[in-house]
PDB file of all heavy atoms in Angstrom:
ATOM      1  N   LEU A   1     -12.030 212.103  29.482  1.00  0.00           N
ATOM      2  CA  LEU A   1     -11.163 210.999  29.045  1.00  0.00           C
ATOM      3  C   LEU A   1     -11.775 210.271  27.857  1.00  0.00           C
ATOM      4  O   LEU A   1     -11.078 209.930  26.898  1.00  0.00           O
ATOM      5  CB  LEU A   1     -10.914 210.018  30.192  1.00  0.00           C
ATOM      6  CG  LEU A   1      -9.906 210.428  31.253  1.00  0.00           C
ATOM      7  CD1 LEU A   1      -9.896 209.424  32.407  1.00  0.00           C
ATOM      8  CD2 LEU A   1      -8.510 210.560  30.656  1.00  0.00           C
ATOM      9  N   ARG A   2     -13.086 210.030  27.928  1.00  0.00           N
ATOM     10  CA  ARG A   2     -13.757 209.337  26.821  1.00  0.00           C
ATOM     11  C   ARG A   2     -13.681 210.170  25.549  1.00  0.00           C
ATOM     12  O   ARG A   2     -13.469 209.636  24.456  1.00  0.00           O
ATOM     13  CB  ARG A   2     -15.201 209.022  27.196  1.00  0.00           C
ATOM     14  CG  ARG A   2     -15.880 208.148  26.138  1.00  0.00           C
ATOM     15  CD  ARG A   2     -17.180 207.585  26.595  1.00  0.00           C
ATOM     16  NE  ARG A   2     -18.202 208.626  26.602  1.00  0.00           N
ATOM     17  CZ  ARG A   2     -19.431 208.454  27.063  1.00  0.00           C
ATOM     18  NH1 ARG A   2     -19.790 207.289  27.581  1.00  0.00           N
ATOM     19  NH2 ARG A   2     -20.298 209.429  27.029  1.00  0.00           N
ATOM     20  N   GLU A   3     -13.826 211.492  25.668  1.00  0.00           N
ATOM     21  CA  GLU A   3     -13.728 212.366  24.497  1.00  0.00           C
ATOM     22  C   GLU A   3     -12.337 212.318  23.863  1.00  0.00           C
ATOM     23  O   GLU A   3     -12.189 212.569  22.668  1.00  0.00           O
ATOM     24  CB  GLU A   3     -14.072 213.803  24.881  1.00  0.00           C
ATOM     25  CG  GLU A   3     -15.542 213.995  25.177  1.00  0.00           C
ATOM     26  CD  GLU A   3     -15.849 215.322  25.849  1.00  0.00           C
ATOM     27  OE1 GLU A   3     -14.930 216.165  25.998  1.00  0.00           O
ATOM     28  OE2 GLU A   3     -17.009 215.508  26.251  1.00  0.00           O
ATOM     29  N   LEU A   4     -11.325 211.983  24.664  1.00  0.00           N
ATOM     30  CA  LEU A   4      -9.970 211.841  24.130  1.00  0.00           C
ATOM     31  C   LEU A   4      -9.777 210.513  23.397  1.00  0.00           C
ATOM     32  O   LEU A   4      -8.729 210.274  22.804  1.00  0.00           O
ATOM     33  CB  LEU A   4      -8.940 211.958  25.255  1.00  0.00           C
ATOM     34  CG  LEU A   4      -8.765 213.347  25.849  1.00  0.00           C
ATOM     35  CD1 LEU A   4      -7.822 213.288  27.057  1.00  0.00           C
ATOM     36  CD2 LEU A   4      -8.244 214.322  24.806  1.00  0.00           C
ATOM     37  N   GLY A   5     -10.786 209.641  23.471  1.00  0.00           N
ATOM     38  CA  GLY A   5     -10.721 208.376  22.751  1.00  0.00           C
ATOM     39  C   GLY A   5     -10.443 207.158  23.612  1.00  0.00           C
ATOM     40  O   GLY A   5     -10.354 206.045  23.100  1.00  0.00           O
ATOM     41  N   TYR A   6     -10.323 207.344  24.921  1.00  0.00           N
ATOM     42  CA  TYR A   6     -10.071 206.199  25.798  1.00  0.00           C
ATOM     43  C   TYR A   6     -11.352 205.400  26.016  1.00  0.00           C
ATOM     44  O   TYR A   6     -12.453 205.961  26.070  1.00  0.00           O
ATOM     45  CB  TYR A   6      -9.546 206.663  27.170  1.00  0.00           C
ATOM     46  CG  TYR A   6      -8.187 207.303  27.106  1.00  0.00           C
ATOM     47  CD1 TYR A   6      -8.040 208.678  27.279  1.00  0.00           C
ATOM     48  CD2 TYR A   6      -7.050 206.538  26.872  1.00  0.00           C
ATOM     49  CE1 TYR A   6      -6.795 209.273  27.230  1.00  0.00           C
ATOM     50  CE2 TYR A   6      -5.803 207.126  26.812  1.00  0.00           C
ATOM     51  CZ  TYR A   6      -5.678 208.494  26.997  1.00  0.00           C
ATOM     52  OH  TYR A   6      -4.448 209.072  26.934  1.00  0.00           O
ATOM     53  N   VAL A   7     -11.179 204.096  26.148  1.00  0.00           N
ATOM     54  CA  VAL A   7     -12.283 203.205  26.454  1.00  0.00           C
ATOM     55  C   VAL A   7     -12.306 202.915  27.954  1.00  0.00           C
ATOM     56  O   VAL A   7     -13.365 202.699  28.536  1.00  0.00           O
ATOM     57  CB  VAL A   7     -12.155 201.887  25.648  1.00  0.00           C
ATOM     58  CG1 VAL A   7     -13.227 200.893  26.032  1.00  0.00           C
ATOM     59  CG2 VAL A   7     -12.201 202.194  24.152  1.00  0.00           C
ATOM     60  N   TYR A   8     -11.145 202.929  28.575  1.00  0.00           N
ATOM     61  CA  TYR A   8     -11.018 202.699  30.010  1.00  0.00           C
ATOM     62  C   TYR A   8     -10.225 203.837  30.633  1.00  0.00           C
ATOM     63  O   TYR A   8      -9.311 204.369  30.021  1.00  0.00           O
ATOM     64  CB  TYR A   8     -10.299 201.374  30.304  1.00  0.00           C
ATOM     65  CG  TYR A   8     -11.056 200.185  29.784  1.00  0.00           C
ATOM     66  CD1 TYR A   8     -10.722 199.598  28.574  1.00  0.00           C
ATOM     67  CD2 TYR A   8     -12.135 199.668  30.504  1.00  0.00           C
ATOM     68  CE1 TYR A   8     -11.429 198.520  28.084  1.00  0.00           C
ATOM     69  CE2 TYR A   8     -12.844 198.594  30.015  1.00  0.00           C
ATOM     70  CZ  TYR A   8     -12.499 198.024  28.809  1.00  0.00           C
ATOM     71  OH  TYR A   8     -13.211 196.966  28.324  1.00  0.00           O
ATOM     72  N   GLY A   9     -10.591 204.176  31.860  1.00  0.00           N
ATOM     73  CA  GLY A   9      -9.852 205.167  32.625  1.00  0.00           C
ATOM     74  C   GLY A   9      -9.330 204.526  33.891  1.00  0.00           C
ATOM     75  O   GLY A   9      -9.881 203.527  34.371  1.00  0.00           O
ATOM     76  N   ILE A  10      -8.281 205.101  34.436  1.00  0.00           N
ATOM     77  CA  ILE A  10      -7.678 204.586  35.665  1.00  0.00           C
ATOM     78  C   ILE A  10      -7.804 205.653  36.748  1.00  0.00           C
ATOM     79  O   ILE A  10      -7.509 206.824  36.518  1.00  0.00           O
ATOM     80  CB  ILE A  10      -6.194 204.234  35.443  1.00  0.00           C
ATOM     81  CG1 ILE A  10      -6.070 203.138  34.378  1.00  0.00           C
ATOM     82  CG2 ILE A  10      -5.528 203.799  36.762  1.00  0.00           C
ATOM     83  CD1 ILE A  10      -4.670 202.925  33.872  1.00  0.00           C
ATOM     84  N   ILE A  11      -8.257 205.222  37.908  1.00  0.00           N
ATOM     85  CA  ILE A  11      -8.289 206.092  39.074  1.00  0.00           C
ATOM     86  C   ILE A  11      -7.115 205.646  39.935  1.00  0.00           C
ATOM     87  O   ILE A  11      -7.147 204.565  40.524  1.00  0.00           O
ATOM     88  CB  ILE A  11      -9.621 205.985  39.839  1.00  0.00           C
ATOM     89  CG1 ILE A  11     -10.775 206.350  38.903  1.00  0.00           C
ATOM     90  CG2 ILE A  11      -9.588 206.873  41.082  1.00  0.00           C
ATOM     91  CD1 ILE A  11     -12.150 206.089  39.484  1.00  0.00           C
ATOM     92  N   GLY A  12      -6.058 206.434  39.941  1.00  0.00           N
ATOM     93  CA  GLY A  12      -4.826 206.054  40.626  1.00  0.00           C
ATOM     94  C   GLY A  12      -4.902 206.252  42.126  1.00  0.00           C
ATOM     95  O   GLY A  12      -5.408 207.267  42.601  1.00  0.00           O
ATOM     96  N   ASN A  13      -4.419 205.268  42.854  1.00  0.00           N
ATOM     97  CA  ASN A  13      -4.302 205.368  44.315  1.00  0.00           C
ATOM     98  C   ASN A  13      -5.624 205.835  44.925  1.00  0.00           C
ATOM     99  O   ASN A  13      -5.670 206.772  45.710  1.00  0.00           O
ATOM    100  CB  ASN A  13      -3.168 206.342  44.661  1.00  0.00           C
ATOM    101  CG  ASN A  13      -2.605 206.123  46.040  1.00  0.00           C
ATOM    102  OD1 ASN A  13      -2.617 205.015  46.567  1.00  0.00           O
ATOM    103  ND2 ASN A  13      -2.100 207.181  46.635  1.00  0.00           N
ATOM    104  N   ALA A  14      -6.701 205.170  44.521  1.00  0.00           N
ATOM    105  CA  ALA A  14      -8.056 205.596  44.872  1.00  0.00           C
ATOM    106  C   ALA A  14      -8.308 205.571  46.373  1.00  0.00           C
ATOM    107  O   ALA A  14      -8.052 204.574  47.035  1.00  0.00           O
ATOM    108  CB  ALA A  14      -9.069 204.709  44.164  1.00  0.00           C
ATOM    109  N   GLY A  15      -8.814 206.685  46.875  1.00  0.00           N
ATOM    110  CA  GLY A  15      -9.140 206.783  48.302  1.00  0.00           C
ATOM    111  C   GLY A  15     -10.456 206.115  48.625  1.00  0.00           C
ATOM    112  O   GLY A  15     -10.482 204.972  49.066  1.00  0.00           O
ATOM    113  N   PRO A  16     -11.574 206.772  48.352  1.00  0.00           N
ATOM    114  CA  PRO A  16     -12.864 206.179  48.713  1.00  0.00           C
ATOM    115  C   PRO A  16     -13.316 205.155  47.669  1.00  0.00           C
ATOM    116  O   PRO A  16     -14.147 205.446  46.808  1.00  0.00           O
ATOM    117  CB  PRO A  16     -13.793 207.391  48.761  1.00  0.00           C
ATOM    118  CG  PRO A  16     -13.197 208.351  47.781  1.00  0.00           C
ATOM    119  CD  PRO A  16     -11.709 208.126  47.848  1.00  0.00           C
ATOM    120  N   ILE A  17     -12.763 203.960  47.739  1.00  0.00           N
ATOM    121  CA  ILE A  17     -13.020 202.927  46.729  1.00  0.00           C
ATOM    122  C   ILE A  17     -14.513 202.681  46.536  1.00  0.00           C
ATOM    123  O   ILE A  17     -14.997 202.582  45.410  1.00  0.00           O
ATOM    124  CB  ILE A  17     -12.285 201.618  47.093  1.00  0.00           C
ATOM    125  CG1 ILE A  17     -10.777 201.843  47.005  1.00  0.00           C
ATOM    126  CG2 ILE A  17     -12.715 200.467  46.190  1.00  0.00           C
ATOM    127  CD1 ILE A  17      -9.943 200.696  47.539  1.00  0.00           C
ATOM    128  N   GLU A  18     -15.258 202.598  47.631  1.00  0.00           N
ATOM    129  CA  GLU A  18     -16.695 202.317  47.539  1.00  0.00           C
ATOM    130  C   GLU A  18     -17.430 203.407  46.754  1.00  0.00           C
ATOM    131  O   GLU A  18     -18.358 203.121  46.009  1.00  0.00           O
ATOM    132  CB  GLU A  18     -17.314 202.176  48.933  1.00  0.00           C
ATOM    133  CG  GLU A  18     -16.770 201.003  49.730  1.00  0.00           C
ATOM    134  CD  GLU A  18     -15.397 201.285  50.375  1.00  0.00           C
ATOM    135  OE1 GLU A  18     -15.026 202.473  50.548  1.00  0.00           O
ATOM    136  OE2 GLU A  18     -14.695 200.312  50.691  1.00  0.00           O
ATOM    137  N   PHE A  19     -17.019 204.656  46.933  1.00  0.00           N
ATOM    138  CA  PHE A  19     -17.622 205.761  46.186  1.00  0.00           C
ATOM    139  C   PHE A  19     -17.454 205.544  44.689  1.00  0.00           C
ATOM    140  O   PHE A  19     -18.411 205.670  43.916  1.00  0.00           O
ATOM    141  CB  PHE A  19     -17.003 207.097  46.609  1.00  0.00           C
ATOM    142  CG  PHE A  19     -17.316 208.243  45.688  1.00  0.00           C
ATOM    143  CD1 PHE A  19     -18.567 208.841  45.702  1.00  0.00           C
ATOM    144  CD2 PHE A  19     -16.366 208.723  44.794  1.00  0.00           C
ATOM    145  CE1 PHE A  19     -18.869 209.905  44.849  1.00  0.00           C
ATOM    146  CE2 PHE A  19     -16.655 209.784  43.943  1.00  0.00           C
ATOM    147  CZ  PHE A  19     -17.908 210.362  43.974  1.00  0.00           C
ATOM    148  N   TYR A  20     -16.248 205.199  44.256  1.00  0.00           N
ATOM    149  CA  TYR A  20     -15.982 205.002  42.836  1.00  0.00           C
ATOM    150  C   TYR A  20     -16.692 203.757  42.307  1.00  0.00           C
ATOM    151  O   TYR A  20     -17.175 203.748  41.169  1.00  0.00           O
ATOM    152  CB  TYR A  20     -14.476 204.912  42.576  1.00  0.00           C
ATOM    153  CG  TYR A  20     -13.757 206.208  42.842  1.00  0.00           C
ATOM    154  CD1 TYR A  20     -12.781 206.298  43.832  1.00  0.00           C
ATOM    155  CD2 TYR A  20     -14.040 207.355  42.117  1.00  0.00           C
ATOM    156  CE1 TYR A  20     -12.116 207.489  44.080  1.00  0.00           C
ATOM    157  CE2 TYR A  20     -13.381 208.549  42.355  1.00  0.00           C
ATOM    158  CZ  TYR A  20     -12.421 208.611  43.338  1.00  0.00           C
ATOM    159  OH  TYR A  20     -11.774 209.799  43.577  1.00  0.00           O
ATOM    160  N   GLN A  21     -16.763 202.707  43.110  1.00  0.00           N
ATOM    161  CA  GLN A  21     -17.475 201.507  42.684  1.00  0.00           C
ATOM    162  C   GLN A  21     -18.952 201.798  42.468  1.00  0.00           C
ATOM    163  O   GLN A  21     -19.534 201.413  41.458  1.00  0.00           O
ATOM    164  CB  GLN A  21     -17.295 200.390  43.719  1.00  0.00           C
ATOM    165  CG  GLN A  21     -15.895 199.824  43.744  1.00  0.00           C
ATOM    166  CD  GLN A  21     -15.657 198.857  44.899  1.00  0.00           C
ATOM    167  OE1 GLN A  21     -16.193 199.012  45.984  1.00  0.00           O
ATOM    168  NE2 GLN A  21     -14.812 197.860  44.652  1.00  0.00           N
ATOM    169  N   LYS A  22     -19.552 202.500  43.412  1.00  0.00           N
ATOM    170  CA  LYS A  22     -20.982 202.815  43.350  1.00  0.00           C
ATOM    171  C   LYS A  22     -21.284 203.826  42.251  1.00  0.00           C
ATOM    172  O   LYS A  22     -22.251 203.686  41.512  1.00  0.00           O
ATOM    173  CB  LYS A  22     -21.444 203.365  44.702  1.00  0.00           C
ATOM    174  CG  LYS A  22     -22.887 203.789  44.746  1.00  0.00           C
ATOM    175  CD  LYS A  22     -23.229 204.379  46.101  1.00  0.00           C
ATOM    176  CE  LYS A  22     -24.584 205.057  46.064  1.00  0.00           C
ATOM    177  NZ  LYS A  22     -24.829 205.899  47.207  1.00  0.00           N
ATOM    178  N   THR A  23     -20.454 204.841  42.119  1.00  0.00           N
ATOM    179  CA  THR A  23     -20.741 205.959  41.212  1.00  0.00           C
ATOM    180  C   THR A  23     -20.479 205.624  39.753  1.00  0.00           C
ATOM    181  O   THR A  23     -21.271 205.989  38.884  1.00  0.00           O
ATOM    182  CB  THR A  23     -19.923 207.196  41.621  1.00  0.00           C
ATOM    183  OG1 THR A  23     -20.172 207.473  43.004  1.00  0.00           O
ATOM    184  CG2 THR A  23     -20.299 208.411  40.802  1.00  0.00           C
ATOM    185  N   VAL A  24     -19.366 204.937  39.463  1.00  0.00           N
ATOM    186  CA  VAL A  24     -19.013 204.683  38.055  1.00  0.00           C
ATOM    187  C   VAL A  24     -18.666 203.220  37.766  1.00  0.00           C
ATOM    188  O   VAL A  24     -18.131 202.911  36.710  1.00  0.00           O
ATOM    189  CB  VAL A  24     -17.855 205.606  37.587  1.00  0.00           C
ATOM    190  CG1 VAL A  24     -18.308 207.054  37.550  1.00  0.00           C
ATOM    191  CG2 VAL A  24     -16.620 205.449  38.451  1.00  0.00           C
ATOM    192  N   GLY A  25     -18.975 202.322  38.698  1.00  0.00           N
ATOM    193  CA  GLY A  25     -18.720 200.899  38.464  1.00  0.00           C
ATOM    194  C   GLY A  25     -17.252 200.539  38.402  1.00  0.00           C
ATOM    195  O   GLY A  25     -16.871 199.563  37.748  1.00  0.00           O
ATOM    196  N   ALA A  26     -16.413 201.294  39.087  1.00  0.00           N
ATOM    197  CA  ALA A  26     -14.964 201.027  39.070  1.00  0.00           C
ATOM    198  C   ALA A  26     -14.657 199.681  39.708  1.00  0.00           C
ATOM    199  O   ALA A  26     -15.365 199.235  40.621  1.00  0.00           O
ATOM    200  CB  ALA A  26     -14.228 202.135  39.822  1.00  0.00           C
ATOM    201  N   ILE A  27     -13.615 199.044  39.210  1.00  0.00           N
ATOM    202  CA  ILE A  27     -13.153 197.781  39.792  1.00  0.00           C
ATOM    203  C   ILE A  27     -11.674 197.915  40.178  1.00  0.00           C
ATOM    204  O   ILE A  27     -10.927 198.648  39.534  1.00  0.00           O
ATOM    205  CB  ILE A  27     -13.354 196.583  38.829  1.00  0.00           C
ATOM    206  CG1 ILE A  27     -12.604 196.800  37.506  1.00  0.00           C
ATOM    207  CG2 ILE A  27     -14.829 196.330  38.576  1.00  0.00           C
ATOM    208  CD1 ILE A  27     -12.570 195.583  36.609  1.00  0.00           C
ATOM    209  N   VAL A  28     -11.305 197.209  41.226  1.00  0.00           N
ATOM    210  CA  VAL A  28      -9.920 197.241  41.699  1.00  0.00           C
ATOM    211  C   VAL A  28      -9.023 196.507  40.709  1.00  0.00           C
ATOM    212  O   VAL A  28      -9.343 195.408  40.261  1.00  0.00           O
ATOM    213  CB  VAL A  28      -9.814 196.607  43.105  1.00  0.00           C
ATOM    214  CG1 VAL A  28      -8.362 196.490  43.547  1.00  0.00           C
ATOM    215  CG2 VAL A  28     -10.633 197.410  44.117  1.00  0.00           C
ATOM    216  N   ILE A  29      -7.906 197.111  40.380  1.00  0.00           N
ATOM    217  CA  ILE A  29      -6.901 196.470  39.528  1.00  0.00           C
ATOM    218  C   ILE A  29      -6.000 195.653  40.453  1.00  0.00           C
ATOM    219  O   ILE A  29      -5.357 196.217  41.349  1.00  0.00           O
ATOM    220  CB  ILE A  29      -6.072 197.500  38.746  1.00  0.00           C
ATOM    221  CG1 ILE A  29      -6.981 198.339  37.839  1.00  0.00           C
ATOM    222  CG2 ILE A  29      -4.974 196.816  37.936  1.00  0.00           C
ATOM    223  CD1 ILE A  29      -6.285 199.503  37.151  1.00  0.00           C
ATOM    224  N   PRO A  30      -5.958 194.328  40.271  1.00  0.00           N
ATOM    225  CA  PRO A  30      -5.130 193.491  41.155  1.00  0.00           C
ATOM    226  C   PRO A  30      -3.667 193.918  41.142  1.00  0.00           C
ATOM    227  O   PRO A  30      -3.137 194.349  40.114  1.00  0.00           O
ATOM    228  CB  PRO A  30      -5.290 192.083  40.567  1.00  0.00           C
ATOM    229  CG  PRO A  30      -6.551 192.136  39.766  1.00  0.00           C
ATOM    230  CD  PRO A  30      -6.653 193.546  39.262  1.00  0.00           C
ATOM    231  N   ASP A  31      -3.024 193.801  42.293  1.00  0.00           N
ATOM    232  CA  ASP A  31      -1.599 194.098  42.452  1.00  0.00           C
ATOM    233  C   ASP A  31      -1.216 195.507  42.015  1.00  0.00           C
ATOM    234  O   ASP A  31      -0.119 195.743  41.514  1.00  0.00           O
ATOM    235  CB  ASP A  31      -0.737 193.069  41.692  1.00  0.00           C
ATOM    236  CG  ASP A  31      -0.978 191.651  42.172  1.00  0.00           C
ATOM    237  OD1 ASP A  31      -1.129 191.460  43.390  1.00  0.00           O
ATOM    238  OD2 ASP A  31      -1.035 190.746  41.325  1.00  0.00           O
ATOM    239  N   SER A  32      -2.114 196.461  42.202  1.00  0.00           N
ATOM    240  CA  SER A  32      -1.839 197.841  41.762  1.00  0.00           C
ATOM    241  C   SER A  32      -1.418 198.762  42.900  1.00  0.00           C
ATOM    242  O   SER A  32      -1.188 199.947  42.678  1.00  0.00           O
ATOM    243  CB  SER A  32      -3.072 198.422  41.072  1.00  0.00           C
ATOM    244  OG  SER A  32      -4.168 198.490  41.963  1.00  0.00           O
ATOM    245  N   ASP A  33      -1.300 198.251  44.088  1.00  0.00           N
ATOM    246  CA  ASP A  33      -0.919 199.082  45.237  1.00  0.00           C
ATOM    247  C   ASP A  33       0.558 198.890  45.522  1.00  0.00           C
ATOM    248  O   ASP A  33       0.993 197.756  45.696  1.00  0.00           O
ATOM    249  CB  ASP A  33      -1.756 198.673  46.454  1.00  0.00           C
ATOM    250  CG  ASP A  33      -1.555 199.583  47.647  1.00  0.00           C
ATOM    251  OD1 ASP A  33      -0.925 200.637  47.478  1.00  0.00           O
ATOM    252  OD2 ASP A  33      -2.031 199.227  48.735  1.00  0.00           O
ATOM    253  N   PRO A  34       1.394 199.904  45.484  1.00  0.00           N
ATOM    254  CA  PRO A  34       1.138 201.336  45.415  1.00  0.00           C
ATOM    255  C   PRO A  34       1.175 201.919  44.014  1.00  0.00           C
ATOM    256  O   PRO A  34       1.125 203.140  43.861  1.00  0.00           O
ATOM    257  CB  PRO A  34       2.264 201.911  46.258  1.00  0.00           C
ATOM    258  CG  PRO A  34       3.409 201.010  46.015  1.00  0.00           C
ATOM    259  CD  PRO A  34       2.787 199.635  45.846  1.00  0.00           C
ATOM    260  N   GLY A  35       1.278 201.115  42.999  1.00  0.00           N
ATOM    261  CA  GLY A  35       1.224 201.628  41.628  1.00  0.00           C
ATOM    262  C   GLY A  35       2.334 202.614  41.322  1.00  0.00           C
ATOM    263  O   GLY A  35       3.473 202.437  41.749  1.00  0.00           O
ATOM    264  N   ILE A  36       1.972 203.702  40.627  1.00  0.00           N
ATOM    265  CA  ILE A  36       2.988 204.677  40.225  1.00  0.00           C
ATOM    266  C   ILE A  36       3.487 205.514  41.385  1.00  0.00           C
ATOM    267  O   ILE A  36       4.441 206.259  41.246  1.00  0.00           O
ATOM    268  CB  ILE A  36       2.484 205.605  39.114  1.00  0.00           C
ATOM    269  CG1 ILE A  36       1.318 206.459  39.601  1.00  0.00           C
ATOM    270  CG2 ILE A  36       2.108 204.818  37.877  1.00  0.00           C
ATOM    271  CD1 ILE A  36       1.055 207.647  38.734  1.00  0.00           C
TER     272      ILE A  36
END
């Protein structure tokens, strides 16, 4: 994603939230459930 020029990426409908927070510093987007 970064190679495509994005500065931010979105993990949609994230399952193991803690995994993503710990691994890549992901943060929850408020009011994003259920999103797309």
